[in-house]
Amino acid sequence: LMNRTVLIALLWTVTGTASGQVANSTNGLVWKPSRVWKSDALPSATVSKEMASELRVSDMTVVLEKTDMKDVQKRFGGTFGEEGDAGTSLEWLCLRGGDATEQWVLWLKSGEMDDGTVGSFQWRRLNRAAKFDERCGSLPKTDSTVYLPIALDLGMTESKLLQLLGQPTAPQGNTLLYIHEHEGAAQNGPFTALNTVSVVVRGGRVVAIDVLKVSFAD
C-alpha cells in the first residue's frame, strides 16, 4: 500500500493542481478551479464528525465518491477540463450560476483516485463582471441553487462560520481549513475516510468553499 503521508500529499496536489487566479484560462475567462490551500502538508484532523459528503445542485443530489462526473455533465452540460497525468491528473466540470445580484462558479472535480466520480468541489463567488469560458455549463435560471448538508453558504459572515464549524484545524491567510478523519471497515478491509472543508473569507464574509472527501485502504 502507498505510504499514507505520500498519499495525502498526492491528494492535496491533485485537488489543487489547477492553481492560480479564478479567471484562469488562456483567454482570461473563468475556467479552471483555483487552489485554495497553498501548502502540500495536511495537518492532523481536529473535527469530530464528517462535515460534507454531498451537495444538491439545482434538482440533482451529488454524492462525493459515488456520483459519476458524466451524469452531472448529462444534466447540466459543459465540457470536461483535464490537467496533469497519471496520479496527478485532475478532471473538472465548470458550472455557472447565480441570480440578479451575484454570480458564482461551481467546479466539480475528479482525481485519479476518484475513478470517474465527483471526489471534491469548489464553490466560489464571482464579480458580476466576470466572464465564463464557453466550455462551462450553466445551471437553470429557474433553479440556480447549491445546498450543502451543513448550513454553509457563500456570503455568510465569518462569525456565523465559526459558530457553525468552530475553530479551524489550521488557518492560512484568509483561508480556514477544517479536517475530519475516521476509520471504517468494508468488505474489502479497513479504510480511512478523509473529509476536508476549506473556506476563503474576505471582508468578513465567505467567498469560496472547497470540499474534499476520499476513502483509502489502510
C-alpha atoms as a PDB file:
ATOM      1  CA  LEU A   1       0.000   0.000   0.000  1.00  0.00           C
ATOM      2  CA  MET A   2       1.095   3.554  -0.627  1.00  0.00           C
ATOM      3  CA  ASN A   3       2.588   5.333   2.368  1.00  0.00           C
ATOM      4  CA  ARG A   4      -0.133   7.459   3.997  1.00  0.00           C
ATOM      5  CA  THR A   5       2.000  10.616   4.018  1.00  0.00           C
ATOM      6  CA  VAL A   6       2.723  10.243   0.316  1.00  0.00           C
ATOM      7  CA  LEU A   7      -0.946   9.543  -0.382  1.00  0.00           C
ATOM      8  CA  ILE A   8      -2.162  12.638   1.454  1.00  0.00           C
ATOM      9  CA  ALA A   9       0.412  14.830  -0.296  1.00  0.00           C
ATOM     10  CA  LEU A  10      -0.675  13.381  -3.635  1.00  0.00           C
ATOM     11  CA  LEU A  11      -4.335  14.013  -2.820  1.00  0.00           C
ATOM     12  CA  TRP A  12      -3.604  17.600  -1.938  1.00  0.00           C
ATOM     13  CA  THR A  13      -1.712  18.088  -5.181  1.00  0.00           C
ATOM     14  CA  VAL A  14      -4.490  16.502  -7.215  1.00  0.00           C
ATOM     15  CA  THR A  15      -7.314  18.505  -5.695  1.00  0.00           C
ATOM     16  CA  GLY A  16      -5.356  21.728  -6.019  1.00  0.00           C
ATOM     17  CA  THR A  17      -3.399  21.148  -9.184  1.00  0.00           C
ATOM     18  CA  ALA A  18      -5.186  23.874 -11.163  1.00  0.00           C
ATOM     19  CA  SER A  19      -3.632  26.716  -9.220  1.00  0.00           C
ATOM     20  CA  GLY A  20      -3.851  30.410  -9.971  1.00  0.00           C
ATOM     21  CA  GLN A  21      -6.485  33.098 -10.255  1.00  0.00           C
ATOM     22  CA  VAL A  22     -10.185  32.397 -10.757  1.00  0.00           C
ATOM     23  CA  ALA A  23     -10.041  33.816 -14.279  1.00  0.00           C
ATOM     24  CA  ASN A  24      -7.587  31.082 -15.107  1.00  0.00           C
ATOM     25  CA  SER A  25      -7.575  30.153 -18.782  1.00  0.00           C
ATOM     26  CA  THR A  26      -5.748  31.064 -21.944  1.00  0.00           C
ATOM     27  CA  ASN A  27      -8.386  33.642 -22.852  1.00  0.00           C
ATOM     28  CA  GLY A  28      -8.745  35.200 -19.395  1.00  0.00           C
ATOM     29  CA  LEU A  29     -12.187  33.718 -18.726  1.00  0.00           C
ATOM     30  CA  VAL A  30     -13.404  31.685 -15.751  1.00  0.00           C
ATOM     31  CA  TRP A  31     -12.475  28.082 -16.491  1.00  0.00           C
ATOM     32  CA  LYS A  32     -10.044  26.248 -14.185  1.00  0.00           C
ATOM     33  CA  PRO A  33     -10.514  25.859 -10.412  1.00  0.00           C
ATOM     34  CA  SER A  34      -8.026  27.782  -8.305  1.00  0.00           C
ATOM     35  CA  ARG A  35      -6.047  26.241  -5.494  1.00  0.00           C
ATOM     36  CA  VAL A  36      -7.428  27.277  -2.104  1.00  0.00           C
ATOM     37  CA  TRP A  37      -4.975  25.680   0.353  1.00  0.00           C
ATOM     38  CA  LYS A  38      -1.460  26.672  -0.667  1.00  0.00           C
ATOM     39  CA  SER A  39       0.522  24.052   1.291  1.00  0.00           C
ATOM     40  CA  ASP A  40       1.076  20.397   0.367  1.00  0.00           C
ATOM     41  CA  ALA A  41       1.157  19.484   4.072  1.00  0.00           C
ATOM     42  CA  LEU A  42      -2.093  18.279   5.627  1.00  0.00           C
ATOM     43  CA  PRO A  43      -2.442  18.947   9.390  1.00  0.00           C
ATOM     44  CA  SER A  44      -3.849  16.312  11.741  1.00  0.00           C
ATOM     45  CA  ALA A  45      -7.642  16.184  11.889  1.00  0.00           C
ATOM     46  CA  THR A  46      -9.453  18.105  14.631  1.00  0.00           C
ATOM     47  CA  VAL A  47     -13.115  17.938  13.582  1.00  0.00           C
ATOM     48  CA  SER A  48     -15.032  15.163  15.350  1.00  0.00           C
ATOM     49  CA  LYS A  49     -17.588  14.335  12.662  1.00  0.00           C
ATOM     50  CA  GLU A  50     -17.905  14.341   8.894  1.00  0.00           C
ATOM     51  CA  MET A  51     -18.928  17.756   7.591  1.00  0.00           C
ATOM     52  CA  ALA A  52     -19.975  17.360   3.956  1.00  0.00           C
ATOM     53  CA  SER A  53     -20.187  14.240   1.806  1.00  0.00           C
ATOM     54  CA  GLU A  54     -22.721  15.502  -0.747  1.00  0.00           C
ATOM     55  CA  LEU A  55     -24.353  18.618  -2.168  1.00  0.00           C
ATOM     56  CA  ARG A  56     -27.530  19.427  -4.039  1.00  0.00           C
ATOM     57  CA  VAL A  57     -27.073  21.248  -7.335  1.00  0.00           C
ATOM     58  CA  SER A  58     -30.394  22.564  -8.658  1.00  0.00           C
ATOM     59  CA  ASP A  59     -32.562  19.415  -8.511  1.00  0.00           C
ATOM     60  CA  MET A  60     -29.671  16.920  -8.527  1.00  0.00           C
ATOM     61  CA  THR A  61     -28.027  15.388  -5.462  1.00  0.00           C
ATOM     62  CA  VAL A  62     -24.303  14.828  -5.977  1.00  0.00           C
ATOM     63  CA  VAL A  63     -22.757  12.320  -3.568  1.00  0.00           C
ATOM     64  CA  LEU A  64     -18.979  12.528  -3.286  1.00  0.00           C
ATOM     65  CA  GLU A  65     -17.179   9.313  -4.294  1.00  0.00           C
ATOM     66  CA  LYS A  66     -20.427   7.929  -5.764  1.00  0.00           C
ATOM     67  CA  THR A  67     -21.971  10.273  -8.364  1.00  0.00           C
ATOM     68  CA  ASP A  68     -20.402   9.878 -11.796  1.00  0.00           C
ATOM     69  CA  MET A  69     -18.993  13.027 -13.389  1.00  0.00           C
ATOM     70  CA  LYS A  70     -20.639  12.064 -16.688  1.00  0.00           C
ATOM     71  CA  ASP A  71     -24.069  12.024 -15.039  1.00  0.00           C
ATOM     72  CA  VAL A  72     -23.589  15.618 -13.897  1.00  0.00           C
ATOM     73  CA  GLN A  73     -22.448  16.592 -17.379  1.00  0.00           C
ATOM     74  CA  LYS A  74     -25.558  14.982 -18.895  1.00  0.00           C
ATOM     75  CA  ARG A  75     -27.737  17.043 -16.549  1.00  0.00           C
ATOM     76  CA  PHE A  76     -26.061  20.457 -16.846  1.00  0.00           C
ATOM     77  CA  GLY A  77     -23.859  20.330 -19.932  1.00  0.00           C
ATOM     78  CA  GLY A  78     -20.354  21.706 -20.186  1.00  0.00           C
ATOM     79  CA  THR A  79     -17.051  20.292 -21.411  1.00  0.00           C
ATOM     80  CA  PHE A  80     -14.660  18.423 -19.135  1.00  0.00           C
ATOM     81  CA  GLY A  81     -11.355  20.115 -18.397  1.00  0.00           C
ATOM     82  CA  GLU A  82      -8.259  17.995 -17.842  1.00  0.00           C
ATOM     83  CA  GLU A  83      -4.829  18.671 -16.413  1.00  0.00           C
ATOM     84  CA  GLY A  84      -1.875  16.556 -15.305  1.00  0.00           C
ATOM     85  CA  ASP A  85      -1.372  12.866 -15.930  1.00  0.00           C
ATOM     86  CA  ALA A  86      -1.381   9.538 -14.078  1.00  0.00           C
ATOM     87  CA  GLY A  87      -1.510  10.095 -10.289  1.00  0.00           C
ATOM     88  CA  THR A  88      -1.609  13.888 -10.577  1.00  0.00           C
ATOM     89  CA  SER A  89      -4.428  14.049 -13.126  1.00  0.00           C
ATOM     90  CA  LEU A  90      -7.475  16.211 -12.488  1.00  0.00           C
ATOM     91  CA  GLU A  91     -10.739  16.355 -14.397  1.00  0.00           C
ATOM     92  CA  TRP A  92     -13.267  19.097 -13.718  1.00  0.00           C
ATOM     93  CA  LEU A  93     -16.623  20.403 -14.825  1.00  0.00           C
ATOM     94  CA  CYS A  94     -17.242  24.163 -14.642  1.00  0.00           C
ATOM     95  CA  LEU A  95     -20.838  25.245 -13.926  1.00  0.00           C
ATOM     96  CA  ARG A  96     -22.066  28.832 -13.753  1.00  0.00           C
ATOM     97  CA  GLY A  97     -24.903  30.015 -11.581  1.00  0.00           C
ATOM     98  CA  GLY A  98     -26.253  32.968  -9.647  1.00  0.00           C
ATOM     99  CA  ASP A  99     -29.134  35.410  -9.569  1.00  0.00           C
ATOM    100  CA  ALA A 100     -29.859  39.063 -10.296  1.00  0.00           C
ATOM    101  CA  THR A 101     -27.476  40.266  -7.578  1.00  0.00           C
ATOM    102  CA  GLU A 102     -24.488  37.927  -7.848  1.00  0.00           C
ATOM    103  CA  GLN A 103     -22.947  35.164  -9.880  1.00  0.00           C
ATOM    104  CA  TRP A 104     -20.791  32.235  -8.871  1.00  0.00           C
ATOM    105  CA  VAL A 105     -18.995  29.218 -10.287  1.00  0.00           C
ATOM    106  CA  LEU A 106     -19.179  25.615  -9.122  1.00  0.00           C
ATOM    107  CA  TRP A 107     -16.343  23.287 -10.081  1.00  0.00           C
ATOM    108  CA  LEU A 108     -16.937  19.554  -9.647  1.00  0.00           C
ATOM    109  CA  LYS A 109     -13.607  17.725  -9.586  1.00  0.00           C
ATOM    110  CA  SER A 110     -12.368  14.174 -10.046  1.00  0.00           C
ATOM    111  CA  GLY A 111      -8.816  12.973  -9.433  1.00  0.00           C
ATOM    112  CA  GLU A 112      -7.105   9.697 -10.303  1.00  0.00           C
ATOM    113  CA  MET A 113      -8.314   8.050  -7.074  1.00  0.00           C
ATOM    114  CA  ASP A 114     -11.943   9.055  -7.669  1.00  0.00           C
ATOM    115  CA  ASP A 115     -12.315   6.685 -10.637  1.00  0.00           C
ATOM    116  CA  GLY A 116     -14.613   8.982 -12.608  1.00  0.00           C
ATOM    117  CA  THR A 117     -16.781  10.043  -9.670  1.00  0.00           C
ATOM    118  CA  VAL A 118     -17.031  13.512  -8.115  1.00  0.00           C
ATOM    119  CA  GLY A 119     -14.476  13.500  -5.314  1.00  0.00           C
ATOM    120  CA  SER A 120     -14.356  17.209  -4.497  1.00  0.00           C
ATOM    121  CA  PHE A 121     -15.875  20.528  -5.446  1.00  0.00           C
ATOM    122  CA  GLN A 122     -15.235  24.250  -5.179  1.00  0.00           C
ATOM    123  CA  TRP A 123     -17.998  26.845  -4.982  1.00  0.00           C
ATOM    124  CA  ARG A 124     -16.786  30.425  -5.465  1.00  0.00           C
ATOM    125  CA  ARG A 125     -18.448  33.824  -5.557  1.00  0.00           C
ATOM    126  CA  LEU A 126     -17.554  35.982  -8.568  1.00  0.00           C
ATOM    127  CA  ASN A 127     -17.639  39.611  -9.552  1.00  0.00           C
ATOM    128  CA  ARG A 128     -20.671  40.445 -11.694  1.00  0.00           C
ATOM    129  CA  ALA A 129     -18.286  41.452 -14.467  1.00  0.00           C
ATOM    130  CA  ALA A 130     -16.602  38.017 -14.602  1.00  0.00           C
ATOM    131  CA  LYS A 131     -16.972  36.199 -17.910  1.00  0.00           C
ATOM    132  CA  PHE A 132     -17.108  32.445 -18.399  1.00  0.00           C
ATOM    133  CA  ASP A 133     -15.311  30.226 -20.853  1.00  0.00           C
ATOM    134  CA  GLU A 134     -17.722  28.694 -23.375  1.00  0.00           C
ATOM    135  CA  ARG A 135     -16.775  25.229 -22.079  1.00  0.00           C
ATOM    136  CA  CYS A 136     -18.590  25.916 -18.790  1.00  0.00           C
ATOM    137  CA  GLY A 137     -22.120  24.591 -18.344  1.00  0.00           C
ATOM    138  CA  SER A 138     -24.985  26.638 -16.866  1.00  0.00           C
ATOM    139  CA  LEU A 139     -27.497  25.832 -14.154  1.00  0.00           C
ATOM    140  CA  PRO A 140     -31.159  26.522 -14.973  1.00  0.00           C
ATOM    141  CA  LYS A 141     -32.053  30.158 -14.268  1.00  0.00           C
ATOM    142  CA  THR A 142     -35.238  28.946 -12.584  1.00  0.00           C
ATOM    143  CA  ASP A 143     -33.248  26.877 -10.069  1.00  0.00           C
ATOM    144  CA  SER A 144     -29.664  28.112  -9.906  1.00  0.00           C
ATOM    145  CA  THR A 145     -29.009  26.866  -6.385  1.00  0.00           C
ATOM    146  CA  VAL A 146     -26.436  24.907  -4.392  1.00  0.00           C
ATOM    147  CA  TYR A 147     -27.180  23.449  -0.968  1.00  0.00           C
ATOM    148  CA  LEU A 148     -24.710  21.745   1.384  1.00  0.00           C
ATOM    149  CA  PRO A 149     -25.691  19.281   4.154  1.00  0.00           C
ATOM    150  CA  ILE A 150     -24.411  21.806   6.691  1.00  0.00           C
ATOM    151  CA  ALA A 151     -25.645  25.407   6.781  1.00  0.00           C
ATOM    152  CA  LEU A 152     -22.544  26.704   5.000  1.00  0.00           C
ATOM    153  CA  ASP A 153     -23.231  29.238   2.263  1.00  0.00           C
ATOM    154  CA  LEU A 154     -21.472  31.861   0.165  1.00  0.00           C
ATOM    155  CA  GLY A 155     -21.835  35.323   1.664  1.00  0.00           C
ATOM    156  CA  MET A 156     -22.309  34.165   5.245  1.00  0.00           C
ATOM    157  CA  THR A 157     -20.363  36.087   7.874  1.00  0.00           C
ATOM    158  CA  GLU A 158     -17.142  34.798   9.367  1.00  0.00           C
ATOM    159  CA  SER A 159     -18.715  34.888  12.831  1.00  0.00           C
ATOM    160  CA  LYS A 160     -21.547  32.588  11.698  1.00  0.00           C
ATOM    161  CA  LEU A 161     -18.989  30.304  10.058  1.00  0.00           C
ATOM    162  CA  LEU A 162     -17.118  29.981  13.350  1.00  0.00           C
ATOM    163  CA  GLN A 163     -20.389  29.333  15.188  1.00  0.00           C
ATOM    164  CA  LEU A 164     -21.180  26.577  12.690  1.00  0.00           C
ATOM    165  CA  LEU A 165     -17.819  24.806  12.398  1.00  0.00           C
ATOM    166  CA  GLY A 166     -15.850  26.131  15.370  1.00  0.00           C
ATOM    167  CA  GLN A 167     -12.177  26.998  15.270  1.00  0.00           C
ATOM    168  CA  PRO A 168     -10.426  25.742  12.119  1.00  0.00           C
ATOM    169  CA  THR A 169      -7.935  22.900  12.107  1.00  0.00           C
ATOM    170  CA  ALA A 170      -5.488  25.336  10.538  1.00  0.00           C
ATOM    171  CA  PRO A 171      -5.730  28.931   9.249  1.00  0.00           C
ATOM    172  CA  GLN A 172      -3.626  30.159   6.341  1.00  0.00           C
ATOM    173  CA  GLY A 173      -4.040  33.810   5.419  1.00  0.00           C
ATOM    174  CA  ASN A 174      -7.718  34.304   4.632  1.00  0.00           C
ATOM    175  CA  THR A 175      -8.347  30.536   4.260  1.00  0.00           C
ATOM    176  CA  LEU A 176      -9.702  28.408   7.115  1.00  0.00           C
ATOM    177  CA  LEU A 177      -9.141  24.652   6.814  1.00  0.00           C
ATOM    178  CA  TYR A 178     -11.273  22.068   8.644  1.00  0.00           C
ATOM    179  CA  ILE A 179     -10.281  18.383   8.631  1.00  0.00           C
ATOM    180  CA  HIS A 180     -12.165  15.274   9.745  1.00  0.00           C
ATOM    181  CA  GLU A 181     -10.814  11.736   9.583  1.00  0.00           C
ATOM    182  CA  HIS A 182     -12.191   8.402  10.729  1.00  0.00           C
ATOM    183  CA  GLU A 183     -11.516   4.690  10.364  1.00  0.00           C
ATOM    184  CA  GLY A 184     -14.030   2.282   8.919  1.00  0.00           C
ATOM    185  CA  ALA A 185     -14.427  -1.262   7.650  1.00  0.00           C
ATOM    186  CA  ALA A 186     -15.817  -2.604   4.399  1.00  0.00           C
ATOM    187  CA  GLN A 187     -15.996  -5.984   2.671  1.00  0.00           C
ATOM    188  CA  ASN A 188     -12.540  -5.482   1.213  1.00  0.00           C
ATOM    189  CA  GLY A 189     -10.976  -4.478   4.526  1.00  0.00           C
ATOM    190  CA  PRO A 190     -10.378  -1.460   6.796  1.00  0.00           C
ATOM    191  CA  PHE A 191     -10.170   2.041   5.348  1.00  0.00           C
ATOM    192  CA  THR A 192      -9.605   5.663   6.341  1.00  0.00           C
ATOM    193  CA  ALA A 193     -12.123   8.332   5.308  1.00  0.00           C
ATOM    194  CA  LEU A 194     -10.914  11.917   4.980  1.00  0.00           C
ATOM    195  CA  ASN A 195     -13.218  14.945   4.718  1.00  0.00           C
ATOM    196  CA  THR A 196     -11.824  18.470   4.359  1.00  0.00           C
ATOM    197  CA  VAL A 197     -13.594  21.816   4.096  1.00  0.00           C
ATOM    198  CA  SER A 198     -11.570  24.899   3.106  1.00  0.00           C
ATOM    199  CA  VAL A 199     -13.281  28.279   3.416  1.00  0.00           C
ATOM    200  CA  VAL A 200     -11.949  31.540   1.989  1.00  0.00           C
ATOM    201  CA  VAL A 201     -13.052  34.695   3.833  1.00  0.00           C
ATOM    202  CA  ARG A 202     -12.728  38.248   2.527  1.00  0.00           C
ATOM    203  CA  GLY A 203     -14.192  41.360   4.125  1.00  0.00           C
ATOM    204  CA  GLY A 204     -15.644  39.246   6.900  1.00  0.00           C
ATOM    205  CA  ARG A 205     -17.695  37.064   4.524  1.00  0.00           C
ATOM    206  CA  VAL A 206     -17.317  33.651   2.888  1.00  0.00           C
ATOM    207  CA  VAL A 207     -16.332  33.958  -0.786  1.00  0.00           C
ATOM    208  CA  ALA A 208     -15.244  30.379  -1.576  1.00  0.00           C
ATOM    209  CA  ILE A 209     -15.853  26.872  -0.240  1.00  0.00           C
ATOM    210  CA  ASP A 210     -13.760  23.854  -1.257  1.00  0.00           C
ATOM    211  CA  VAL A 211     -14.762  20.358  -0.084  1.00  0.00           C
ATOM    212  CA  LEU A 212     -12.957  17.027  -0.489  1.00  0.00           C
ATOM    213  CA  LYS A 213     -13.950  13.518   0.524  1.00  0.00           C
ATOM    214  CA  VAL A 214     -11.776  10.483  -0.107  1.00  0.00           C
ATOM    215  CA  SER A 215     -11.542   6.961   1.327  1.00  0.00           C
ATOM    216  CA  PHE A 216      -8.449   4.793   1.033  1.00  0.00           C
ATOM    217  CA  ALA A 217      -7.334   1.386   2.267  1.00  0.00           C
ATOM    218  CA  ASP A 218      -5.268   1.315   5.443  1.00  0.00           C
END
